[in-house]
Amino acid sequence: MNTGYANPYTVAQAAPNERAAFIRKTYLHLGFAILAFIGVEWFLLQQSWAPALIGKMTGGMGWLVVLGAFMGVSFLADRLASSDTSRGVQYAGLGLFIVAEAIIFMPLLYMAAYYAKDPGVIMKAGITTAFVFGGLTFAAFATKKDFSFLRGFLMVGGFVAIGIIVVSILFGFDLGTIFAGAMAIFASVAILYNTSNIIHHYRTDQYVSASLSLFASVALLFWYILQIFMNRD
């Protein structure tokens, strides 16, 4: 049986060639995850039943149910991706999370594709996300600083953000551009934190789990940058 995590050492303790291989695999998996997300999203939005599903997702308390389900699936996917059981289980976790992200993105991307005044808004948000992600990645690798101290901020900030989102759904008010900007900053901090963990704290055979954490942060950043661009219309 392939236990998946045979290497007991963290990236910081590994030999340079092992560290380089881990980083290469992590970002390769991240790239494939993004491409898979694009493919799944395109497939979903092409279906005739997509508008009806989006209507159910966003109608009434539907979005609250969707967010709750997404949080549960995300927790499960993360557990699978970091599992010691087998590499197949880890990939199942990553795949599950990609599909979950594609589903929760359906309403936002549908609105951006068919109702935004700027037809290139998705592309602009994607390019902006790539530039921000690239800059944060460069900063983390260039400074080699351990940003694990940001974990507390991310935990508290995450709970606060979830609370604000739930209240906005219950009372039906728009969170607006300021909240989207704050969440884009939050996602940027998460990228810095996760990149730092990739440099310092993951084991060299945890590249599936590492790529999932990065993908989640990039998706969150894209979500709110896209909202910022759409709010400009």
C-alpha atoms as a PDB file:
ATOM      1  CA  MET A   1       0.000   0.000   0.000  1.00  0.00           C
ATOM      2  CA  ASN A   2       1.228   3.480  -0.856  1.00  0.00           C
ATOM      3  CA  THR A   3       0.974   5.516   2.326  1.00  0.00           C
ATOM      4  CA  GLY A   4       1.570   8.740   0.432  1.00  0.00           C
ATOM      5  CA  TYR A   5       3.610  10.533   3.099  1.00  0.00           C
ATOM      6  CA  ALA A   6       6.849   8.612   3.369  1.00  0.00           C
ATOM      7  CA  ASN A   7       9.100  11.625   3.951  1.00  0.00           C
ATOM      8  CA  PRO A   8       9.015  12.796   7.595  1.00  0.00           C
ATOM      9  CA  TYR A   9      10.969  16.003   7.003  1.00  0.00           C
ATOM     10  CA  THR A  10       9.677  19.487   6.341  1.00  0.00           C
ATOM     11  CA  VAL A  11      10.671  21.473   3.285  1.00  0.00           C
ATOM     12  CA  ALA A  12      13.023  23.648   5.320  1.00  0.00           C
ATOM     13  CA  GLN A  13      14.941  20.551   6.488  1.00  0.00           C
ATOM     14  CA  ALA A  14      15.039  18.796   3.126  1.00  0.00           C
ATOM     15  CA  ALA A  15      17.942  18.680   0.721  1.00  0.00           C
ATOM     16  CA  PRO A  16      17.928  21.428  -1.942  1.00  0.00           C
ATOM     17  CA  ASN A  17      16.965  19.047  -4.753  1.00  0.00           C
ATOM     18  CA  GLU A  18      14.048  17.636  -2.726  1.00  0.00           C
ATOM     19  CA  ARG A  19      12.909  21.135  -1.801  1.00  0.00           C
ATOM     20  CA  ALA A  20      13.047  22.253  -5.434  1.00  0.00           C
ATOM     21  CA  ALA A  21      11.121  19.170  -6.568  1.00  0.00           C
ATOM     22  CA  PHE A  22       8.415  19.790  -3.968  1.00  0.00           C
ATOM     23  CA  ILE A  23       7.990  23.418  -4.980  1.00  0.00           C
ATOM     24  CA  ARG A  24       7.888  22.492  -8.671  1.00  0.00           C
ATOM     25  CA  LYS A  25       5.241  19.809  -8.070  1.00  0.00           C
ATOM     26  CA  THR A  26       3.161  22.137  -5.908  1.00  0.00           C
ATOM     27  CA  TYR A  27       2.954  24.882  -8.508  1.00  0.00           C
ATOM     28  CA  LEU A  28       2.466  22.393 -11.323  1.00  0.00           C
ATOM     29  CA  HIS A  29      -0.524  20.976  -9.456  1.00  0.00           C
ATOM     30  CA  LEU A  30      -1.776  24.500  -8.823  1.00  0.00           C
ATOM     31  CA  GLY A  31      -1.627  25.209 -12.546  1.00  0.00           C
ATOM     32  CA  PHE A  32      -3.521  22.027 -13.360  1.00  0.00           C
ATOM     33  CA  ALA A  33      -6.091  22.849 -10.664  1.00  0.00           C
ATOM     34  CA  ILE A  34      -6.727  26.274 -12.220  1.00  0.00           C
ATOM     35  CA  LEU A  35      -7.048  24.766 -15.699  1.00  0.00           C
ATOM     36  CA  ALA A  36      -9.411  22.088 -14.364  1.00  0.00           C
ATOM     37  CA  PHE A  37     -11.486  24.774 -12.635  1.00  0.00           C
ATOM     38  CA  ILE A  38     -11.783  26.716 -15.899  1.00  0.00           C
ATOM     39  CA  GLY A  39     -12.817  23.570 -17.755  1.00  0.00           C
ATOM     40  CA  VAL A  40     -15.420  22.507 -15.195  1.00  0.00           C
ATOM     41  CA  GLU A  41     -16.788  26.053 -14.962  1.00  0.00           C
ATOM     42  CA  TRP A  42     -17.090  26.333 -18.733  1.00  0.00           C
ATOM     43  CA  PHE A  43     -18.904  22.986 -18.861  1.00  0.00           C
ATOM     44  CA  LEU A  44     -21.351  23.949 -16.115  1.00  0.00           C
ATOM     45  CA  LEU A  45     -22.226  27.327 -17.619  1.00  0.00           C
ATOM     46  CA  GLN A  46     -22.897  25.742 -21.012  1.00  0.00           C
ATOM     47  CA  GLN A  47     -25.644  23.518 -19.636  1.00  0.00           C
ATOM     48  CA  SER A  48     -29.275  24.406 -20.313  1.00  0.00           C
ATOM     49  CA  TRP A  49     -30.129  23.911 -16.647  1.00  0.00           C
ATOM     50  CA  ALA A  50     -27.445  26.327 -15.419  1.00  0.00           C
ATOM     51  CA  PRO A  51     -29.732  29.420 -15.149  1.00  0.00           C
ATOM     52  CA  ALA A  52     -32.324  27.463 -13.158  1.00  0.00           C
ATOM     53  CA  LEU A  53     -29.676  26.102 -10.779  1.00  0.00           C
ATOM     54  CA  ILE A  54     -28.196  29.567 -10.319  1.00  0.00           C
ATOM     55  CA  GLY A  55     -31.657  30.922  -9.540  1.00  0.00           C
ATOM     56  CA  LYS A  56     -32.139  28.306  -6.822  1.00  0.00           C
ATOM     57  CA  MET A  57     -28.662  28.945  -5.431  1.00  0.00           C
ATOM     58  CA  THR A  58     -29.202  32.678  -5.067  1.00  0.00           C
ATOM     59  CA  GLY A  59     -32.933  32.815  -4.305  1.00  0.00           C
ATOM     60  CA  GLY A  60     -34.147  33.391  -0.730  1.00  0.00           C
ATOM     61  CA  MET A  61     -31.920  31.623   1.768  1.00  0.00           C
ATOM     62  CA  GLY A  62     -30.451  29.477  -1.004  1.00  0.00           C
ATOM     63  CA  TRP A  63     -27.077  31.211  -0.898  1.00  0.00           C
ATOM     64  CA  LEU A  64     -26.795  30.579   2.834  1.00  0.00           C
ATOM     65  CA  VAL A  65     -27.359  26.862   2.214  1.00  0.00           C
ATOM     66  CA  VAL A  66     -24.799  26.914  -0.604  1.00  0.00           C
ATOM     67  CA  LEU A  67     -22.189  28.590   1.602  1.00  0.00           C
ATOM     68  CA  GLY A  68     -22.793  26.086   4.393  1.00  0.00           C
ATOM     69  CA  ALA A  69     -22.486  23.166   1.991  1.00  0.00           C
ATOM     70  CA  PHE A  70     -19.349  24.665   0.454  1.00  0.00           C
ATOM     71  CA  MET A  71     -17.703  25.044   3.858  1.00  0.00           C
ATOM     72  CA  GLY A  72     -18.494  21.416   4.689  1.00  0.00           C
ATOM     73  CA  VAL A  73     -17.200  20.129   1.353  1.00  0.00           C
ATOM     74  CA  SER A  74     -14.086  22.297   1.666  1.00  0.00           C
ATOM     75  CA  PHE A  75     -13.315  20.827   5.080  1.00  0.00           C
ATOM     76  CA  LEU A  76     -13.736  17.300   3.716  1.00  0.00           C
ATOM     77  CA  ALA A  77     -11.639  18.044   0.636  1.00  0.00           C
ATOM     78  CA  ASP A  78      -8.824  19.462   2.752  1.00  0.00           C
ATOM     79  CA  ARG A  79      -8.861  16.396   5.005  1.00  0.00           C
ATOM     80  CA  LEU A  80      -8.695  14.101   1.993  1.00  0.00           C
ATOM     81  CA  ALA A  81      -5.910  16.091   0.317  1.00  0.00           C
ATOM     82  CA  SER A  82      -3.797  15.948   3.476  1.00  0.00           C
ATOM     83  CA  SER A  83      -4.612  12.297   4.164  1.00  0.00           C
ATOM     84  CA  ASP A  84      -1.887   9.731   4.835  1.00  0.00           C
ATOM     85  CA  THR A  85      -4.000   6.973   3.265  1.00  0.00           C
ATOM     86  CA  SER A  86      -2.924   7.148  -0.376  1.00  0.00           C
ATOM     87  CA  ARG A  87      -2.094   9.544  -3.177  1.00  0.00           C
ATOM     88  CA  GLY A  88      -5.410   8.680  -4.844  1.00  0.00           C
ATOM     89  CA  VAL A  89      -7.338   9.914  -1.802  1.00  0.00           C
ATOM     90  CA  GLN A  90      -5.333  13.138  -1.874  1.00  0.00           C
ATOM     91  CA  TYR A  91      -6.178  13.709  -5.531  1.00  0.00           C
ATOM     92  CA  ALA A  92      -9.829  12.955  -4.790  1.00  0.00           C
ATOM     93  CA  GLY A  93      -9.768  15.750  -2.224  1.00  0.00           C
ATOM     94  CA  LEU A  94      -8.232  18.200  -4.686  1.00  0.00           C
ATOM     95  CA  GLY A  95     -10.709  17.213  -7.392  1.00  0.00           C
ATOM     96  CA  LEU A  96     -13.649  17.542  -5.010  1.00  0.00           C
ATOM     97  CA  PHE A  97     -12.547  21.028  -4.026  1.00  0.00           C
ATOM     98  CA  ILE A  98     -12.132  22.110  -7.665  1.00  0.00           C
ATOM     99  CA  VAL A  99     -15.694  21.000  -8.467  1.00  0.00           C
ATOM    100  CA  ALA A 100     -17.034  22.727  -5.336  1.00  0.00           C
ATOM    101  CA  GLU A 101     -15.291  25.963  -6.307  1.00  0.00           C
ATOM    102  CA  ALA A 102     -16.677  25.748  -9.844  1.00  0.00           C
ATOM    103  CA  ILE A 103     -20.220  25.317  -8.524  1.00  0.00           C
ATOM    104  CA  ILE A 104     -20.055  28.190  -6.041  1.00  0.00           C
ATOM    105  CA  PHE A 105     -18.546  30.447  -8.720  1.00  0.00           C
ATOM    106  CA  MET A 106     -21.434  29.797 -11.126  1.00  0.00           C
ATOM    107  CA  PRO A 107     -23.669  32.760 -10.127  1.00  0.00           C
ATOM    108  CA  LEU A 108     -20.842  35.302 -10.094  1.00  0.00           C
ATOM    109  CA  LEU A 109     -19.306  34.210 -13.401  1.00  0.00           C
ATOM    110  CA  TYR A 110     -22.752  33.944 -15.023  1.00  0.00           C
ATOM    111  CA  MET A 111     -23.480  37.552 -14.044  1.00  0.00           C
ATOM    112  CA  ALA A 112     -20.032  38.666 -15.213  1.00  0.00           C
ATOM    113  CA  ALA A 113     -20.351  36.850 -18.541  1.00  0.00           C
ATOM    114  CA  TYR A 114     -23.904  37.866 -19.472  1.00  0.00           C
ATOM    115  CA  TYR A 115     -24.832  41.005 -17.525  1.00  0.00           C
ATOM    116  CA  ALA A 116     -21.652  43.001 -16.848  1.00  0.00           C
ATOM    117  CA  LYS A 117     -21.272  46.132 -18.958  1.00  0.00           C
ATOM    118  CA  ASP A 118     -17.619  45.334 -19.594  1.00  0.00           C
ATOM    119  CA  PRO A 119     -17.397  42.117 -21.675  1.00  0.00           C
ATOM    120  CA  GLY A 120     -13.760  41.677 -20.692  1.00  0.00           C
ATOM    121  CA  VAL A 121     -14.313  41.936 -16.953  1.00  0.00           C
ATOM    122  CA  ILE A 122     -13.518  38.261 -16.259  1.00  0.00           C
ATOM    123  CA  MET A 123     -10.270  38.443 -18.212  1.00  0.00           C
ATOM    124  CA  LYS A 124      -9.252  41.685 -16.478  1.00  0.00           C
ATOM    125  CA  ALA A 125      -9.978  40.216 -13.056  1.00  0.00           C
ATOM    126  CA  GLY A 126      -8.040  37.070 -13.954  1.00  0.00           C
ATOM    127  CA  ILE A 127      -4.988  39.023 -15.123  1.00  0.00           C
ATOM    128  CA  THR A 128      -5.086  41.237 -12.027  1.00  0.00           C
ATOM    129  CA  THR A 129      -5.306  38.156  -9.812  1.00  0.00           C
ATOM    130  CA  ALA A 130      -2.323  36.613 -11.594  1.00  0.00           C
ATOM    131  CA  PHE A 131      -0.236  39.763 -11.110  1.00  0.00           C
ATOM    132  CA  VAL A 132      -1.097  40.040  -7.416  1.00  0.00           C
ATOM    133  CA  PHE A 133      -0.432  36.337  -6.870  1.00  0.00           C
ATOM    134  CA  GLY A 134       2.885  36.591  -8.724  1.00  0.00           C
ATOM    135  CA  GLY A 135       3.965  39.600  -6.672  1.00  0.00           C
ATOM    136  CA  LEU A 136       3.095  37.952  -3.361  1.00  0.00           C
ATOM    137  CA  THR A 137       4.826  34.729  -4.383  1.00  0.00           C
ATOM    138  CA  PHE A 138       7.965  36.638  -5.363  1.00  0.00           C
ATOM    139  CA  ALA A 139       7.908  38.525  -2.048  1.00  0.00           C
ATOM    140  CA  ALA A 140       7.595  35.311  -0.040  1.00  0.00           C
ATOM    141  CA  PHE A 141      10.414  33.553  -1.886  1.00  0.00           C
ATOM    142  CA  ALA A 142      12.671  36.609  -2.037  1.00  0.00           C
ATOM    143  CA  THR A 143      12.444  37.423   1.672  1.00  0.00           C
ATOM    144  CA  LYS A 144      12.255  33.755   2.782  1.00  0.00           C
ATOM    145  CA  LYS A 145      10.428  35.091   5.837  1.00  0.00           C
ATOM    146  CA  ASP A 146       8.241  32.733   7.837  1.00  0.00           C
ATOM    147  CA  PHE A 147       4.742  34.237   7.808  1.00  0.00           C
ATOM    148  CA  SER A 148       3.199  31.534   9.988  1.00  0.00           C
ATOM    149  CA  PHE A 149       2.427  34.221  12.575  1.00  0.00           C
ATOM    150  CA  LEU A 150      -0.400  35.341  10.257  1.00  0.00           C
ATOM    151  CA  ARG A 151      -2.418  32.216  11.107  1.00  0.00           C
ATOM    152  CA  GLY A 152      -4.201  33.904  14.015  1.00  0.00           C
ATOM    153  CA  PHE A 153      -5.179  36.897  11.894  1.00  0.00           C
ATOM    154  CA  LEU A 154      -6.529  34.632   9.173  1.00  0.00           C
ATOM    155  CA  MET A 155      -8.575  32.576  11.624  1.00  0.00           C
ATOM    156  CA  VAL A 156     -10.136  35.596  13.322  1.00  0.00           C
ATOM    157  CA  GLY A 157     -10.580  37.463  10.030  1.00  0.00           C
ATOM    158  CA  GLY A 158     -12.176  34.416   8.442  1.00  0.00           C
ATOM    159  CA  PHE A 159     -14.770  34.075  11.214  1.00  0.00           C
ATOM    160  CA  VAL A 160     -15.531  37.804  11.087  1.00  0.00           C
ATOM    161  CA  ALA A 161     -15.946  37.698   7.305  1.00  0.00           C
ATOM    162  CA  ILE A 162     -18.259  34.684   7.490  1.00  0.00           C
ATOM    163  CA  GLY A 163     -20.336  36.446  10.142  1.00  0.00           C
ATOM    164  CA  ILE A 164     -20.681  39.581   8.013  1.00  0.00           C
ATOM    165  CA  ILE A 165     -21.628  37.541   4.941  1.00  0.00           C
ATOM    166  CA  VAL A 166     -24.274  35.582   6.860  1.00  0.00           C
ATOM    167  CA  VAL A 167     -25.770  38.777   8.302  1.00  0.00           C
ATOM    168  CA  SER A 168     -25.848  40.353   4.837  1.00  0.00           C
ATOM    169  CA  ILE A 169     -27.765  37.337   3.495  1.00  0.00           C
ATOM    170  CA  LEU A 170     -30.227  37.305   6.395  1.00  0.00           C
ATOM    171  CA  PHE A 171     -30.976  41.027   6.203  1.00  0.00           C
ATOM    172  CA  GLY A 172     -30.556  41.425   2.456  1.00  0.00           C
ATOM    173  CA  PHE A 173     -27.992  44.212   2.170  1.00  0.00           C
ATOM    174  CA  ASP A 174     -25.151  44.582  -0.329  1.00  0.00           C
ATOM    175  CA  LEU A 175     -21.652  44.341   1.117  1.00  0.00           C
ATOM    176  CA  GLY A 176     -20.259  46.647  -1.575  1.00  0.00           C
ATOM    177  CA  THR A 177     -16.814  47.478  -2.891  1.00  0.00           C
ATOM    178  CA  ILE A 178     -15.214  48.290   0.471  1.00  0.00           C
ATOM    179  CA  PHE A 179     -15.912  44.804   1.801  1.00  0.00           C
ATOM    180  CA  ALA A 180     -14.709  43.263  -1.479  1.00  0.00           C
ATOM    181  CA  GLY A 181     -11.494  45.269  -1.185  1.00  0.00           C
ATOM    182  CA  ALA A 182     -10.983  44.162   2.419  1.00  0.00           C
ATOM    183  CA  MET A 183     -11.533  40.548   1.425  1.00  0.00           C
ATOM    184  CA  ALA A 184      -9.082  40.882  -1.473  1.00  0.00           C
ATOM    185  CA  ILE A 185      -6.501  42.004   1.085  1.00  0.00           C
ATOM    186  CA  PHE A 186      -7.483  39.069   3.312  1.00  0.00           C
ATOM    187  CA  ALA A 187      -7.001  36.662   0.382  1.00  0.00           C
ATOM    188  CA  SER A 188      -3.611  38.247  -0.351  1.00  0.00           C
ATOM    189  CA  VAL A 189      -2.528  37.653   3.237  1.00  0.00           C
ATOM    190  CA  ALA A 190      -3.707  34.037   2.902  1.00  0.00           C
ATOM    191  CA  ILE A 191      -1.575  33.615  -0.228  1.00  0.00           C
ATOM    192  CA  LEU A 192       1.452  35.008   1.601  1.00  0.00           C
ATOM    193  CA  TYR A 193       0.790  32.690   4.549  1.00  0.00           C
ATOM    194  CA  ASN A 194       0.302  29.591   2.395  1.00  0.00           C
ATOM    195  CA  THR A 195       3.352  30.355   0.260  1.00  0.00           C
ATOM    196  CA  SER A 196       5.413  30.742   3.416  1.00  0.00           C
ATOM    197  CA  ASN A 197       4.167  27.355   4.610  1.00  0.00           C
ATOM    198  CA  ILE A 198       5.227  25.831   1.300  1.00  0.00           C
ATOM    199  CA  ILE A 199       8.722  27.192   1.830  1.00  0.00           C
ATOM    200  CA  HIS A 200       9.021  26.291   5.507  1.00  0.00           C
ATOM    201  CA  HIS A 201       6.466  23.896   6.952  1.00  0.00           C
ATOM    202  CA  TYR A 202       5.010  21.336   4.535  1.00  0.00           C
ATOM    203  CA  ARG A 203       6.633  17.940   4.141  1.00  0.00           C
ATOM    204  CA  THR A 204       8.158  17.399   0.736  1.00  0.00           C
ATOM    205  CA  ASP A 205       5.502  14.829  -0.190  1.00  0.00           C
ATOM    206  CA  GLN A 206       2.546  17.075   0.675  1.00  0.00           C
ATOM    207  CA  TYR A 207       2.398  18.868  -2.658  1.00  0.00           C
ATOM    208  CA  VAL A 208      -1.261  17.935  -3.294  1.00  0.00           C
ATOM    209  CA  SER A 209      -2.366  19.488  -0.019  1.00  0.00           C
ATOM    210  CA  ALA A 210      -0.103  22.479  -0.600  1.00  0.00           C
ATOM    211  CA  SER A 211      -1.543  23.091  -4.057  1.00  0.00           C
ATOM    212  CA  LEU A 212      -5.091  22.916  -2.665  1.00  0.00           C
ATOM    213  CA  SER A 213      -4.322  25.581  -0.064  1.00  0.00           C
ATOM    214  CA  LEU A 214      -2.846  27.868  -2.707  1.00  0.00           C
ATOM    215  CA  PHE A 215      -5.728  27.238  -5.107  1.00  0.00           C
ATOM    216  CA  ALA A 216      -8.265  28.111  -2.400  1.00  0.00           C
ATOM    217  CA  SER A 217      -6.507  31.422  -1.702  1.00  0.00           C
ATOM    218  CA  VAL A 218      -6.169  32.295  -5.393  1.00  0.00           C
ATOM    219  CA  ALA A 219      -9.849  31.502  -5.983  1.00  0.00           C
ATOM    220  CA  LEU A 220     -10.851  33.739  -3.058  1.00  0.00           C
ATOM    221  CA  LEU A 221      -8.698  36.570  -4.407  1.00  0.00           C
ATOM    222  CA  PHE A 222     -10.180  36.198  -7.894  1.00  0.00           C
ATOM    223  CA  TRP A 223     -13.722  36.180  -6.474  1.00  0.00           C
ATOM    224  CA  TYR A 224     -13.333  39.556  -4.803  1.00  0.00           C
ATOM    225  CA  ILE A 225     -11.217  41.196  -7.494  1.00  0.00           C
ATOM    226  CA  LEU A 226     -13.924  40.235  -9.987  1.00  0.00           C
ATOM    227  CA  GLN A 227     -16.540  41.784  -7.700  1.00  0.00           C
ATOM    228  CA  ILE A 228     -14.513  44.991  -7.508  1.00  0.00           C
ATOM    229  CA  PHE A 229     -14.323  45.203 -11.299  1.00  0.00           C
ATOM    230  CA  MET A 230     -18.049  44.475 -11.647  1.00  0.00           C
ATOM    231  CA  ASN A 231     -18.979  47.113  -9.057  1.00  0.00           C
ATOM    232  CA  ARG A 232     -17.252  49.701 -11.226  1.00  0.00           C
ATOM    233  CA  ASP A 233     -19.869  49.215 -13.970  1.00  0.00           C
END
